[in-house]
Amino acid sequence: AIVLGDVAGKGVPAALFMARLLSSTRNHLMTE
């Protein structure tokens, strides 16, 4: 799987949301 995404906004809030996205992506790719 090759994934590329863009969280609305930038800086620390966007980076924290990006971390959540990374975990969610790997988890659901393995189960769906």
PDB file of all heavy atoms in Angstrom:
ATOM      1  N   ALA A   1       0.852  -1.198   0.000  1.00  0.00           N
ATOM      2  CA  ALA A   1       0.000   0.000   0.000  1.00  0.00           C
ATOM      3  C   ALA A   1       0.881   1.238   0.000  1.00  0.00           C
ATOM      4  O   ALA A   1       1.859   1.323   0.749  1.00  0.00           O
ATOM      5  CB  ALA A   1      -0.914   0.004   1.221  1.00  0.00           C
ATOM      6  N   ILE A   2       0.533   2.191  -0.867  1.00  0.00           N
ATOM      7  CA  ILE A   2       1.195   3.505  -0.903  1.00  0.00           C
ATOM      8  C   ILE A   2       0.124   4.528  -0.584  1.00  0.00           C
ATOM      9  O   ILE A   2      -0.897   4.629  -1.280  1.00  0.00           O
ATOM     10  CB  ILE A   2       1.823   3.805  -2.277  1.00  0.00           C
ATOM     11  CG1 ILE A   2       2.846   2.734  -2.639  1.00  0.00           C
ATOM     12  CG2 ILE A   2       2.487   5.179  -2.259  1.00  0.00           C
ATOM     13  CD1 ILE A   2       2.330   1.715  -3.624  1.00  0.00           C
ATOM     14  N   VAL A   3       0.330   5.286   0.499  1.00  0.00           N
ATOM     15  CA  VAL A   3      -0.676   6.229   0.992  1.00  0.00           C
ATOM     16  C   VAL A   3      -0.066   7.620   1.056  1.00  0.00           C
ATOM     17  O   VAL A   3       1.070   7.789   1.494  1.00  0.00           O
ATOM     18  CB  VAL A   3      -1.194   5.821   2.379  1.00  0.00           C
ATOM     19  CG1 VAL A   3      -2.350   6.717   2.806  1.00  0.00           C
ATOM     20  CG2 VAL A   3      -1.593   4.369   2.419  1.00  0.00           C
ATOM     21  N   LEU A   4      -0.830   8.615   0.626  1.00  0.00           N
ATOM     22  CA  LEU A   4      -0.409  10.018   0.756  1.00  0.00           C
ATOM     23  C   LEU A   4      -1.621  10.836   1.176  1.00  0.00           C
ATOM     24  O   LEU A   4      -2.702  10.711   0.586  1.00  0.00           O
ATOM     25  CB  LEU A   4       0.172  10.529  -0.564  1.00  0.00           C
ATOM     26  CG  LEU A   4       0.708  11.971  -0.560  1.00  0.00           C
ATOM     27  CD1 LEU A   4       1.983  12.067  -1.403  1.00  0.00           C
ATOM     28  CD2 LEU A   4      -0.321  12.946  -1.098  1.00  0.00           C
ATOM     29  N   GLY A   5      -1.452  11.663   2.216  1.00  0.00           N
ATOM     30  CA  GLY A   5      -2.577  12.443   2.723  1.00  0.00           C
ATOM     31  C   GLY A   5      -2.169  13.840   3.128  1.00  0.00           C
ATOM     32  O   GLY A   5      -0.986  14.164   3.251  1.00  0.00           O
ATOM     33  N   ASP A   6      -3.174  14.671   3.358  1.00  0.00           N
ATOM     34  CA  ASP A   6      -2.960  16.074   3.721  1.00  0.00           C
ATOM     35  C   ASP A   6      -4.033  16.478   4.725  1.00  0.00           C
ATOM     36  O   ASP A   6      -5.217  16.557   4.397  1.00  0.00           O
ATOM     37  CB  ASP A   6      -3.033  16.950   2.464  1.00  0.00           C
ATOM     38  CG  ASP A   6      -2.729  18.413   2.752  1.00  0.00           C
ATOM     39  OD1 ASP A   6      -2.441  18.741   3.919  1.00  0.00           O
ATOM     40  OD2 ASP A   6      -2.785  19.232   1.813  1.00  0.00           O
ATOM     41  N   VAL A   7      -3.601  16.735   5.974  1.00  0.00           N
ATOM     42  CA  VAL A   7      -4.517  17.192   7.022  1.00  0.00           C
ATOM     43  C   VAL A   7      -4.746  18.688   6.843  1.00  0.00           C
ATOM     44  O   VAL A   7      -3.800  19.445   6.617  1.00  0.00           O
ATOM     45  CB  VAL A   7      -3.939  16.909   8.410  1.00  0.00           C
ATOM     46  CG1 VAL A   7      -4.857  17.455   9.498  1.00  0.00           C
ATOM     47  CG2 VAL A   7      -3.711  15.421   8.597  1.00  0.00           C
ATOM     48  N   ALA A   8      -5.990  19.117   6.938  1.00  0.00           N
ATOM     49  CA  ALA A   8      -6.286  20.547   6.822  1.00  0.00           C
ATOM     50  C   ALA A   8      -5.565  21.305   7.924  1.00  0.00           C
ATOM     51  O   ALA A   8      -5.612  20.936   9.096  1.00  0.00           O
ATOM     52  CB  ALA A   8      -7.797  20.784   6.927  1.00  0.00           C
ATOM     53  N   GLY A   9      -4.869  22.384   7.541  1.00  0.00           N
ATOM     54  CA  GLY A   9      -4.098  23.162   8.494  1.00  0.00           C
ATOM     55  C   GLY A   9      -2.638  22.763   8.455  1.00  0.00           C
ATOM     56  O   GLY A   9      -2.206  21.949   7.620  1.00  0.00           O
ATOM     57  N   LYS A  10      -1.860  23.361   9.360  1.00  0.00           N
ATOM     58  CA  LYS A  10      -0.436  23.048   9.437  1.00  0.00           C
ATOM     59  C   LYS A  10       0.053  23.288  10.853  1.00  0.00           C
ATOM     60  O   LYS A  10      -0.691  23.705  11.723  1.00  0.00           O
ATOM     61  CB  LYS A  10       0.368  23.889   8.439  1.00  0.00           C
ATOM     62  CG  LYS A  10      -0.017  25.354   8.354  1.00  0.00           C
ATOM     63  CD  LYS A  10       0.707  26.016   7.196  1.00  0.00           C
ATOM     64  CE  LYS A  10       0.208  27.430   6.940  1.00  0.00           C
ATOM     65  NZ  LYS A  10      -1.135  27.461   6.387  1.00  0.00           N
ATOM     66  N   GLY A  11       1.309  22.977  11.085  1.00  0.00           N
ATOM     67  CA  GLY A  11       1.881  23.154  12.402  1.00  0.00           C
ATOM     68  C   GLY A  11       1.554  21.995  13.328  1.00  0.00           C
ATOM     69  O   GLY A  11       1.199  20.889  12.898  1.00  0.00           O
ATOM     70  N   VAL A  12       1.652  22.243  14.639  1.00  0.00           N
ATOM     71  CA  VAL A  12       1.519  21.179  15.637  1.00  0.00           C
ATOM     72  C   VAL A  12       0.136  20.514  15.603  1.00  0.00           C
ATOM     73  O   VAL A  12       0.049  19.283  15.649  1.00  0.00           O
ATOM     74  CB  VAL A  12       1.843  21.719  17.045  1.00  0.00           C
ATOM     75  CG1 VAL A  12       1.557  20.671  18.109  1.00  0.00           C
ATOM     76  CG2 VAL A  12       3.311  22.150  17.114  1.00  0.00           C
ATOM     77  N   PRO A  13      -0.998  21.253  15.545  1.00  0.00           N
ATOM     78  CA  PRO A  13      -2.299  20.564  15.509  1.00  0.00           C
ATOM     79  C   PRO A  13      -2.417  19.599  14.340  1.00  0.00           C
ATOM     80  O   PRO A  13      -2.902  18.476  14.500  1.00  0.00           O
ATOM     81  CB  PRO A  13      -3.301  21.728  15.388  1.00  0.00           C
ATOM     82  CG  PRO A  13      -2.601  22.902  15.971  1.00  0.00           C
ATOM     83  CD  PRO A  13      -1.165  22.733  15.585  1.00  0.00           C
ATOM     84  N   ALA A  14      -1.980  20.040  13.154  1.00  0.00           N
ATOM     85  CA  ALA A  14      -2.047  19.161  11.987  1.00  0.00           C
ATOM     86  C   ALA A  14      -1.134  17.954  12.162  1.00  0.00           C
ATOM     87  O   ALA A  14      -1.476  16.833  11.759  1.00  0.00           O
ATOM     88  CB  ALA A  14      -1.666  19.942  10.725  1.00  0.00           C
ATOM     89  N   ALA A  15       0.037  18.157  12.763  1.00  0.00           N
ATOM     90  CA  ALA A  15       0.973  17.054  12.963  1.00  0.00           C
ATOM     91  C   ALA A  15       0.390  16.012  13.917  1.00  0.00           C
ATOM     92  O   ALA A  15       0.566  14.806  13.714  1.00  0.00           O
ATOM     93  CB  ALA A  15       2.295  17.593  13.506  1.00  0.00           C
ATOM     94  N   LEU A  16      -0.303  16.466  14.975  1.00  0.00           N
ATOM     95  CA  LEU A  16      -0.922  15.525  15.901  1.00  0.00           C
ATOM     96  C   LEU A  16      -2.019  14.718  15.213  1.00  0.00           C
ATOM     97  O   LEU A  16      -2.153  13.516  15.426  1.00  0.00           O
ATOM     98  CB  LEU A  16      -1.499  16.292  17.102  1.00  0.00           C
ATOM     99  CG  LEU A  16      -0.472  16.950  18.022  1.00  0.00           C
ATOM    100  CD1 LEU A  16      -1.175  17.805  19.068  1.00  0.00           C
ATOM    101  CD2 LEU A  16       0.388  15.897  18.704  1.00  0.00           C
ATOM    102  N   PHE A  17      -2.784  15.380  14.373  1.00  0.00           N
ATOM    103  CA  PHE A  17      -3.843  14.691  13.644  1.00  0.00           C
ATOM    104  C   PHE A  17      -3.235  13.702  12.652  1.00  0.00           C
ATOM    105  O   PHE A  17      -3.766  12.626  12.411  1.00  0.00           O
ATOM    106  CB  PHE A  17      -4.716  15.712  12.910  1.00  0.00           C
ATOM    107  CG  PHE A  17      -6.139  15.277  12.737  1.00  0.00           C
ATOM    108  CD1 PHE A  17      -7.090  15.605  13.687  1.00  0.00           C
ATOM    109  CD2 PHE A  17      -6.532  14.529  11.643  1.00  0.00           C
ATOM    110  CE1 PHE A  17      -8.407  15.199  13.541  1.00  0.00           C
ATOM    111  CE2 PHE A  17      -7.842  14.121  11.490  1.00  0.00           C
ATOM    112  CZ  PHE A  17      -8.791  14.456  12.442  1.00  0.00           C
ATOM    113  N   MET A  18      -2.108  14.102  12.057  1.00  0.00           N
ATOM    114  CA  MET A  18      -1.414  13.217  11.130  1.00  0.00           C
ATOM    115  C   MET A  18      -0.969  11.930  11.824  1.00  0.00           C
ATOM    116  O   MET A  18      -1.053  10.831  11.268  1.00  0.00           O
ATOM    117  CB  MET A  18      -0.206  13.932  10.521  1.00  0.00           C
ATOM    118  CG  MET A  18       0.548  13.120   9.471  1.00  0.00           C
ATOM    119  SD  MET A  18       1.812  12.053  10.151  1.00  0.00           S
ATOM    120  CE  MET A  18       3.177  13.179  10.218  1.00  0.00           C
ATOM    121  N   ALA A  19      -0.506  12.037  13.080  1.00  0.00           N
ATOM    122  CA  ALA A  19      -0.106  10.857  13.836  1.00  0.00           C
ATOM    123  C   ALA A  19      -1.287   9.914  14.041  1.00  0.00           C
ATOM    124  O   ALA A  19      -1.153   8.689  13.957  1.00  0.00           O
ATOM    125  CB  ALA A  19       0.490  11.277  15.173  1.00  0.00           C
ATOM    126  N   ARG A  20      -2.440  10.495  14.301  1.00  0.00           N
ATOM    127  CA  ARG A  20      -3.657   9.686  14.448  1.00  0.00           C
ATOM    128  C   ARG A  20      -3.992   9.002  13.120  1.00  0.00           C
ATOM    129  O   ARG A  20      -4.377   7.824  13.084  1.00  0.00           O
ATOM    130  CB  ARG A  20      -4.808  10.586  14.898  1.00  0.00           C
ATOM    131  CG  ARG A  20      -6.186   9.935  14.916  1.00  0.00           C
ATOM    132  CD  ARG A  20      -6.305   8.902  16.024  1.00  0.00           C
ATOM    133  NE  ARG A  20      -7.634   8.304  16.061  1.00  0.00           N
ATOM    134  CZ  ARG A  20      -8.654   8.816  16.760  1.00  0.00           C
ATOM    135  NH1 ARG A  20      -8.488   9.913  17.472  1.00  0.00           N
ATOM    136  NH2 ARG A  20      -9.826   8.213  16.757  1.00  0.00           N
ATOM    137  N   LEU A  21      -3.822   9.708  12.028  1.00  0.00           N
ATOM    138  CA  LEU A  21      -4.112   9.164  10.704  1.00  0.00           C
ATOM    139  C   LEU A  21      -3.199   7.988  10.393  1.00  0.00           C
ATOM    140  O   LEU A  21      -3.631   6.973   9.844  1.00  0.00           O
ATOM    141  CB  LEU A  21      -3.945  10.259   9.645  1.00  0.00           C
ATOM    142  CG  LEU A  21      -4.079   9.835   8.179  1.00  0.00           C
ATOM    143  CD1 LEU A  21      -5.485   9.323   7.901  1.00  0.00           C
ATOM    144  CD2 LEU A  21      -3.762  11.011   7.256  1.00  0.00           C
ATOM    145  N   LEU A  22      -1.924   8.104  10.735  1.00  0.00           N
ATOM    146  CA  LEU A  22      -0.968   7.041  10.462  1.00  0.00           C
ATOM    147  C   LEU A  22      -1.398   5.753  11.155  1.00  0.00           C
ATOM    148  O   LEU A  22      -1.398   4.666  10.554  1.00  0.00           O
ATOM    149  CB  LEU A  22       0.424   7.473  10.934  1.00  0.00           C
ATOM    150  CG  LEU A  22       1.563   6.469  10.789  1.00  0.00           C
ATOM    151  CD1 LEU A  22       2.848   7.194  10.404  1.00  0.00           C
ATOM    152  CD2 LEU A  22       1.783   5.683  12.071  1.00  0.00           C
ATOM    153  N   SER A  23      -1.761   5.854  12.414  1.00  0.00           N
ATOM    154  CA  SER A  23      -2.186   4.675  13.168  1.00  0.00           C
ATOM    155  C   SER A  23      -3.453   4.073  12.579  1.00  0.00           C
ATOM    156  O   SER A  23      -3.566   2.842  12.428  1.00  0.00           O
ATOM    157  CB  SER A  23      -2.414   5.066  14.627  1.00  0.00           C
ATOM    158  OG  SER A  23      -2.971   4.001  15.364  1.00  0.00           O
ATOM    159  N   SER A  24      -4.401   4.938  12.249  1.00  0.00           N
ATOM    160  CA  SER A  24      -5.674   4.468  11.695  1.00  0.00           C
ATOM    161  C   SER A  24      -5.465   3.762  10.365  1.00  0.00           C
ATOM    162  O   SER A  24      -6.067   2.709  10.103  1.00  0.00           O
ATOM    163  CB  SER A  24      -6.629   5.650  11.524  1.00  0.00           C
ATOM    164  OG  SER A  24      -7.835   5.249  10.927  1.00  0.00           O
ATOM    165  N   THR A  25      -4.601   4.307   9.518  1.00  0.00           N
ATOM    166  CA  THR A  25      -4.363   3.715   8.199  1.00  0.00           C
ATOM    167  C   THR A  25      -3.797   2.310   8.327  1.00  0.00           C
ATOM    168  O   THR A  25      -4.290   1.355   7.696  1.00  0.00           O
ATOM    169  CB  THR A  25      -3.393   4.589   7.398  1.00  0.00           C
ATOM    170  OG1 THR A  25      -3.909   5.909   7.296  1.00  0.00           O
ATOM    171  CG2 THR A  25      -3.187   4.028   5.999  1.00  0.00           C
ATOM    172  N   ARG A  26      -2.758   2.146   9.124  1.00  0.00           N
ATOM    173  CA  ARG A  26      -2.123   0.835   9.261  1.00  0.00           C
ATOM    174  C   ARG A  26      -3.086  -0.185   9.892  1.00  0.00           C
ATOM    175  O   ARG A  26      -3.128  -1.351   9.480  1.00  0.00           O
ATOM    176  CB  ARG A  26      -0.861   0.958  10.097  1.00  0.00           C
ATOM    177  CG  ARG A  26       0.285   1.624   9.348  1.00  0.00           C
ATOM    178  CD  ARG A  26       1.530   1.784  10.184  1.00  0.00           C
ATOM    179  NE  ARG A  26       2.649   2.207   9.353  1.00  0.00           N
ATOM    180  CZ  ARG A  26       3.574   1.387   8.862  1.00  0.00           C
ATOM    181  NH1 ARG A  26       3.510   0.098   9.132  1.00  0.00           N
ATOM    182  NH2 ARG A  26       4.559   1.838   8.119  1.00  0.00           N
ATOM    183  N   ASN A  27      -3.851   0.259  10.871  1.00  0.00           N
ATOM    184  CA  ASN A  27      -4.772  -0.649  11.541  1.00  0.00           C
ATOM    185  C   ASN A  27      -5.834  -1.169  10.586  1.00  0.00           C
ATOM    186  O   ASN A  27      -6.071  -2.384  10.496  1.00  0.00           O
ATOM    187  CB  ASN A  27      -5.429   0.071  12.724  1.00  0.00           C
ATOM    188  CG  ASN A  27      -6.460  -0.795  13.427  1.00  0.00           C
ATOM    189  OD1 ASN A  27      -6.155  -1.896  13.862  1.00  0.00           O
ATOM    190  ND2 ASN A  27      -7.683  -0.293  13.520  1.00  0.00           N
ATOM    191  N   HIS A  28      -6.466  -0.280   9.834  1.00  0.00           N
ATOM    192  CA  HIS A  28      -7.568  -0.713   8.969  1.00  0.00           C
ATOM    193  C   HIS A  28      -7.080  -1.440   7.721  1.00  0.00           C
ATOM    194  O   HIS A  28      -7.798  -2.298   7.192  1.00  0.00           O
ATOM    195  CB  HIS A  28      -8.421   0.490   8.585  1.00  0.00           C
ATOM    196  CG  HIS A  28      -9.205   1.050   9.732  1.00  0.00           C
ATOM    197  ND1 HIS A  28     -10.202   0.355  10.376  1.00  0.00           N
ATOM    198  CD2 HIS A  28      -9.123   2.249  10.387  1.00  0.00           C
ATOM    199  CE1 HIS A  28     -10.710   1.091  11.352  1.00  0.00           C
ATOM    200  NE2 HIS A  28     -10.072   2.237  11.379  1.00  0.00           N
ATOM    201  N   LEU A  29      -5.889  -1.123   7.242  1.00  0.00           N
ATOM    202  CA  LEU A  29      -5.356  -1.865   6.091  1.00  0.00           C
ATOM    203  C   LEU A  29      -5.149  -3.338   6.433  1.00  0.00           C
ATOM    204  O   LEU A  29      -5.270  -4.219   5.564  1.00  0.00           O
ATOM    205  CB  LEU A  29      -4.038  -1.246   5.629  1.00  0.00           C
ATOM    206  CG  LEU A  29      -4.130  -0.153   4.575  1.00  0.00           C
ATOM    207  CD1 LEU A  29      -2.778   0.535   4.389  1.00  0.00           C
ATOM    208  CD2 LEU A  29      -4.629  -0.703   3.233  1.00  0.00           C
ATOM    209  N   MET A  30      -4.813  -3.607   7.693  1.00  0.00           N
ATOM    210  CA  MET A  30      -4.571  -4.985   8.101  1.00  0.00           C
ATOM    211  C   MET A  30      -5.855  -5.761   8.397  1.00  0.00           C
ATOM    212  O   MET A  30      -5.837  -6.999   8.459  1.00  0.00           O
ATOM    213  CB  MET A  30      -3.678  -4.997   9.354  1.00  0.00           C
ATOM    214  CG  MET A  30      -2.280  -4.472   9.116  1.00  0.00           C
ATOM    215  SD  MET A  30      -1.378  -5.487   7.907  1.00  0.00           S
ATOM    216  CE  MET A  30       0.197  -4.600   7.856  1.00  0.00           C
ATOM    217  N   THR A  31      -6.961  -5.066   8.569  1.00  0.00           N
ATOM    218  CA  THR A  31      -8.203  -5.741   8.971  1.00  0.00           C
ATOM    219  C   THR A  31      -9.290  -5.730   7.903  1.00  0.00           C
ATOM    220  O   THR A  31     -10.213  -6.555   7.959  1.00  0.00           O
ATOM    221  CB  THR A  31      -8.758  -5.096  10.246  1.00  0.00           C
ATOM    222  OG1 THR A  31      -8.950  -3.690  10.038  1.00  0.00           O
ATOM    223  CG2 THR A  31      -7.779  -5.275  11.408  1.00  0.00           C
ATOM    224  N   GLU A  32      -9.216  -4.794   6.946  1.00  0.00           N
ATOM    225  CA  GLU A  32     -10.262  -4.702   5.913  1.00  0.00           C
ATOM    226  C   GLU A  32      -9.863  -5.489   4.672  1.00  0.00           C
ATOM    227  O   GLU A  32      -8.667  -5.727   4.405  1.00  0.00           O
ATOM    228  CB  GLU A  32     -10.521  -3.247   5.558  1.00  0.00           C
ATOM    229  CG  GLU A  32     -10.979  -2.395   6.738  1.00  0.00           C
ATOM    230  CD  GLU A  32     -12.327  -2.817   7.307  1.00  0.00           C
ATOM    231  OE1 GLU A  32     -13.097  -3.473   6.580  1.00  0.00           O
ATOM    232  OE2 GLU A  32     -12.591  -2.524   8.484  1.00  0.00           O
TER     233      GLU A  32
END
